[in-house]
Amino acid sequence: MAESNLQADDIDRLGQALLTLTSELWVTRDRVRILEAALVNAGVLAPDAVNQLQPDAALQAELNAERARLIDALLTTLSREKD
């Protein structure tokens, strides 16, 4: 049987973690969209350039490592012992 990271009484911490993560995600998405629009408006970036870009191996490895760190940090927070 697989080990569970969360217990039934962790629902409050899970809810808070999801709200915090969603808030941070929205701030990031908002800023990225604004930055893309500013670059397009300045003629530095084509309107569809970000959607069409395929990361090279080095960038993909960096993105994968950052994603793994984020997931690890989230799971660590959710699985901490209660005070």
N, C-alpha and C. Protein backbone atom coordinates (compact mmCIF):
# COMPACT_ATOMS: atom_id res chain seq x y z
N MET A 1 0.85 -1.19 0.00
CA MET A 1 0.00 0.00 0.00
C MET A 1 0.89 1.25 0.00
N ALA A 2 0.51 2.22 -0.78
CA ALA A 2 1.30 3.45 -0.89
C ALA A 2 1.16 4.29 0.37
N GLU A 3 2.26 4.95 0.74
CA GLU A 3 2.25 5.82 1.90
C GLU A 3 1.52 7.11 1.56
N SER A 4 0.68 7.57 2.47
CA SER A 4 -0.08 8.80 2.26
C SER A 4 0.68 9.97 2.86
N ASN A 5 0.77 11.07 2.12
CA ASN A 5 1.42 12.28 2.63
C ASN A 5 0.49 13.08 3.53
N LEU A 6 -0.80 12.93 3.35
CA LEU A 6 -1.78 13.72 4.08
C LEU A 6 -2.67 12.83 4.93
N GLN A 7 -3.06 13.36 6.06
CA GLN A 7 -4.00 12.67 6.93
C GLN A 7 -5.34 13.40 6.86
N ALA A 8 -6.37 12.75 7.31
CA ALA A 8 -7.72 13.32 7.23
C ALA A 8 -7.82 14.68 7.94
N ASP A 9 -7.06 14.85 9.01
CA ASP A 9 -7.16 16.12 9.76
C ASP A 9 -6.27 17.23 9.20
N ASP A 10 -5.67 17.02 8.03
CA ASP A 10 -4.81 18.03 7.40
C ASP A 10 -5.58 18.95 6.45
N ILE A 11 -6.89 18.86 6.41
CA ILE A 11 -7.68 19.59 5.42
C ILE A 11 -7.50 21.11 5.53
N ASP A 12 -7.39 21.64 6.75
CA ASP A 12 -7.20 23.09 6.90
C ASP A 12 -5.86 23.54 6.31
N ARG A 13 -4.82 22.78 6.60
CA ARG A 13 -3.50 23.13 6.05
C ARG A 13 -3.47 22.95 4.54
N LEU A 14 -4.13 21.94 4.06
CA LEU A 14 -4.21 21.73 2.62
C LEU A 14 -4.95 22.88 1.95
N GLY A 15 -6.06 23.30 2.53
CA GLY A 15 -6.81 24.42 1.99
C GLY A 15 -5.98 25.70 1.97
N GLN A 16 -5.28 25.98 3.06
CA GLN A 16 -4.44 27.18 3.12
C GLN A 16 -3.30 27.10 2.11
N ALA A 17 -2.71 25.92 1.98
CA ALA A 17 -1.63 25.75 1.00
C ALA A 17 -2.14 25.99 -0.41
N LEU A 18 -3.31 25.48 -0.72
CA LEU A 18 -3.87 25.68 -2.06
C LEU A 18 -4.20 27.14 -2.32
N LEU A 19 -4.74 27.82 -1.32
CA LEU A 19 -5.02 29.25 -1.49
C LEU A 19 -3.74 30.06 -1.68
N THR A 20 -2.73 29.75 -0.91
CA THR A 20 -1.44 30.44 -1.03
C THR A 20 -0.81 30.18 -2.39
N LEU A 21 -0.80 28.93 -2.80
CA LEU A 21 -0.23 28.57 -4.08
C LEU A 21 -0.99 29.22 -5.23
N THR A 22 -2.30 29.22 -5.16
CA THR A 22 -3.12 29.83 -6.21
C THR A 22 -2.86 31.33 -6.29
N SER A 23 -2.75 31.98 -5.14
CA SER A 23 -2.47 33.41 -5.12
C SER A 23 -1.11 33.72 -5.75
N GLU A 24 -0.10 32.96 -5.38
CA GLU A 24 1.23 33.16 -5.95
C GLU A 24 1.25 32.86 -7.45
N LEU A 25 0.55 31.82 -7.85
CA LEU A 25 0.47 31.48 -9.26
C LEU A 25 -0.18 32.62 -10.04
N TRP A 26 -1.24 33.18 -9.52
CA TRP A 26 -1.92 34.26 -10.23
C TRP A 26 -1.01 35.48 -10.38
N VAL A 27 -0.30 35.85 -9.33
CA VAL A 27 0.62 36.98 -9.40
C VAL A 27 1.65 36.73 -10.50
N THR A 28 2.19 35.54 -10.55
CA THR A 28 3.18 35.20 -11.56
C THR A 28 2.59 35.25 -12.96
N ARG A 29 1.43 34.64 -13.14
CA ARG A 29 0.79 34.64 -14.46
C ARG A 29 0.46 36.06 -14.91
N ASP A 30 -0.03 36.86 -14.00
CA ASP A 30 -0.38 38.24 -14.31
C ASP A 30 0.86 39.02 -14.78
N ARG A 31 1.95 38.88 -14.03
CA ARG A 31 3.17 39.60 -14.38
C ARG A 31 3.76 39.10 -15.71
N VAL A 32 3.70 37.82 -15.96
CA VAL A 32 4.22 37.29 -17.22
C VAL A 32 3.40 37.83 -18.38
N ARG A 33 2.09 37.83 -18.25
CA ARG A 33 1.24 38.35 -19.34
C ARG A 33 1.52 39.83 -19.59
N ILE A 34 1.70 40.61 -18.51
CA ILE A 34 2.02 42.04 -18.66
C ILE A 34 3.38 42.21 -19.32
N LEU A 35 4.36 41.42 -18.91
CA LEU A 35 5.69 41.50 -19.52
C LEU A 35 5.64 41.13 -21.00
N GLU A 36 4.91 40.06 -21.33
CA GLU A 36 4.78 39.68 -22.74
C GLU A 36 4.13 40.81 -23.55
N ALA A 37 3.07 41.41 -23.01
CA ALA A 37 2.39 42.51 -23.71
C ALA A 37 3.33 43.70 -23.90
N ALA A 38 4.12 44.01 -22.86
CA ALA A 38 5.06 45.13 -22.97
C ALA A 38 6.11 44.85 -24.04
N LEU A 39 6.60 43.62 -24.10
CA LEU A 39 7.60 43.27 -25.11
C LEU A 39 7.00 43.29 -26.52
N VAL A 40 5.77 42.82 -26.66
CA VAL A 40 5.10 42.87 -27.96
C VAL A 40 4.88 44.32 -28.37
N ASN A 41 4.39 45.14 -27.45
CA ASN A 41 4.13 46.56 -27.74
C ASN A 41 5.40 47.32 -28.11
N ALA A 42 6.52 46.91 -27.54
CA ALA A 42 7.81 47.56 -27.84
C ALA A 42 8.45 46.99 -29.11
N GLY A 43 7.81 45.99 -29.71
CA GLY A 43 8.35 45.40 -30.92
C GLY A 43 9.51 44.45 -30.69
N VAL A 44 9.71 44.03 -29.46
CA VAL A 44 10.81 43.14 -29.12
C VAL A 44 10.41 41.68 -29.31
N LEU A 45 9.12 41.40 -29.22
CA LEU A 45 8.64 40.03 -29.23
C LEU A 45 7.43 39.94 -30.16
N ALA A 46 7.39 38.90 -30.97
CA ALA A 46 6.21 38.66 -31.80
C ALA A 46 5.07 38.19 -30.90
N PRO A 47 3.83 38.51 -31.24
CA PRO A 47 2.69 38.15 -30.38
C PRO A 47 2.60 36.67 -30.01
N ASP A 48 3.01 35.77 -30.85
CA ASP A 48 2.88 34.34 -30.56
C ASP A 48 4.23 33.67 -30.25
N ALA A 49 5.25 34.45 -30.03
CA ALA A 49 6.61 33.91 -29.85
C ALA A 49 6.72 32.99 -28.63
N VAL A 50 6.12 33.36 -27.53
CA VAL A 50 6.23 32.55 -26.32
C VAL A 50 5.54 31.20 -26.51
N ASN A 51 4.37 31.20 -27.12
CA ASN A 51 3.64 29.95 -27.33
C ASN A 51 4.35 29.02 -28.30
N GLN A 52 5.11 29.58 -29.23
CA GLN A 52 5.77 28.77 -30.25
C GLN A 52 7.17 28.30 -29.84
N LEU A 53 7.75 28.90 -28.82
CA LEU A 53 9.12 28.56 -28.43
C LEU A 53 9.19 27.14 -27.85
N GLN A 54 10.11 26.36 -28.36
CA GLN A 54 10.40 25.03 -27.83
C GLN A 54 11.73 25.12 -27.08
N PRO A 55 11.72 24.90 -25.77
CA PRO A 55 12.97 25.03 -25.00
C PRO A 55 14.03 24.04 -25.49
N ASP A 56 15.29 24.49 -25.49
CA ASP A 56 16.38 23.57 -25.81
C ASP A 56 16.61 22.67 -24.59
N ALA A 57 17.51 21.71 -24.73
CA ALA A 57 17.73 20.72 -23.67
C ALA A 57 18.15 21.37 -22.36
N ALA A 58 19.01 22.36 -22.41
CA ALA A 58 19.49 23.01 -21.18
C ALA A 58 18.35 23.73 -20.46
N LEU A 59 17.56 24.48 -21.21
CA LEU A 59 16.44 25.19 -20.60
C LEU A 59 15.41 24.21 -20.07
N GLN A 60 15.13 23.14 -20.82
CA GLN A 60 14.16 22.15 -20.36
C GLN A 60 14.63 21.49 -19.07
N ALA A 61 15.91 21.20 -18.96
CA ALA A 61 16.46 20.62 -17.74
C ALA A 61 16.30 21.58 -16.56
N GLU A 62 16.55 22.86 -16.81
CA GLU A 62 16.37 23.88 -15.77
C GLU A 62 14.91 23.96 -15.33
N LEU A 63 14.00 23.97 -16.29
CA LEU A 63 12.57 24.02 -15.97
C LEU A 63 12.14 22.78 -15.17
N ASN A 64 12.63 21.62 -15.57
CA ASN A 64 12.30 20.39 -14.86
C ASN A 64 12.80 20.43 -13.42
N ALA A 65 14.02 20.94 -13.22
CA ALA A 65 14.58 21.03 -11.87
C ALA A 65 13.79 22.01 -11.01
N GLU A 66 13.41 23.14 -11.58
CA GLU A 66 12.62 24.13 -10.83
C GLU A 66 11.25 23.56 -10.47
N ARG A 67 10.62 22.82 -11.38
CA ARG A 67 9.33 22.19 -11.10
C ARG A 67 9.47 21.18 -9.97
N ALA A 68 10.53 20.38 -10.00
CA ALA A 68 10.77 19.38 -8.95
C ALA A 68 10.97 20.06 -7.59
N ARG A 69 11.71 21.18 -7.57
CA ARG A 69 11.91 21.91 -6.31
C ARG A 69 10.60 22.45 -5.77
N LEU A 70 9.75 22.97 -6.64
CA LEU A 70 8.46 23.50 -6.22
C LEU A 70 7.59 22.40 -5.63
N ILE A 71 7.52 21.27 -6.32
CA ILE A 71 6.71 20.15 -5.83
C ILE A 71 7.25 19.65 -4.50
N ASP A 72 8.56 19.53 -4.38
CA ASP A 72 9.17 19.09 -3.13
C ASP A 72 8.86 20.05 -1.99
N ALA A 73 8.96 21.35 -2.25
CA ALA A 73 8.67 22.33 -1.21
C ALA A 73 7.21 22.26 -0.77
N LEU A 74 6.31 22.08 -1.72
CA LEU A 74 4.90 21.98 -1.40
C LEU A 74 4.61 20.73 -0.57
N LEU A 75 5.15 19.59 -0.99
CA LEU A 75 4.93 18.35 -0.25
C LEU A 75 5.56 18.40 1.13
N THR A 76 6.71 19.05 1.26
CA THR A 76 7.36 19.19 2.56
C THR A 76 6.47 20.01 3.49
N THR A 77 5.92 21.09 2.99
CA THR A 77 5.03 21.92 3.80
C THR A 77 3.78 21.15 4.24
N LEU A 78 3.21 20.41 3.32
CA LEU A 78 1.99 19.68 3.64
C LEU A 78 2.23 18.51 4.57
N SER A 79 3.42 17.96 4.59
CA SER A 79 3.67 16.78 5.41
C SER A 79 4.38 17.09 6.73
N ARG A 80 4.59 18.39 7.03
CA ARG A 80 5.22 18.75 8.30
C ARG A 80 4.37 18.32 9.47
N GLU A 81 5.04 17.99 10.55
CA GLU A 81 4.33 17.66 11.78
C GLU A 81 3.60 18.89 12.30
N LYS A 82 2.46 18.67 12.91
CA LYS A 82 1.70 19.77 13.49
C LYS A 82 2.44 20.29 14.73
N ASP A 83 2.29 21.59 14.96
CA ASP A 83 2.92 22.20 16.16
C ASP A 83 2.19 21.79 17.41
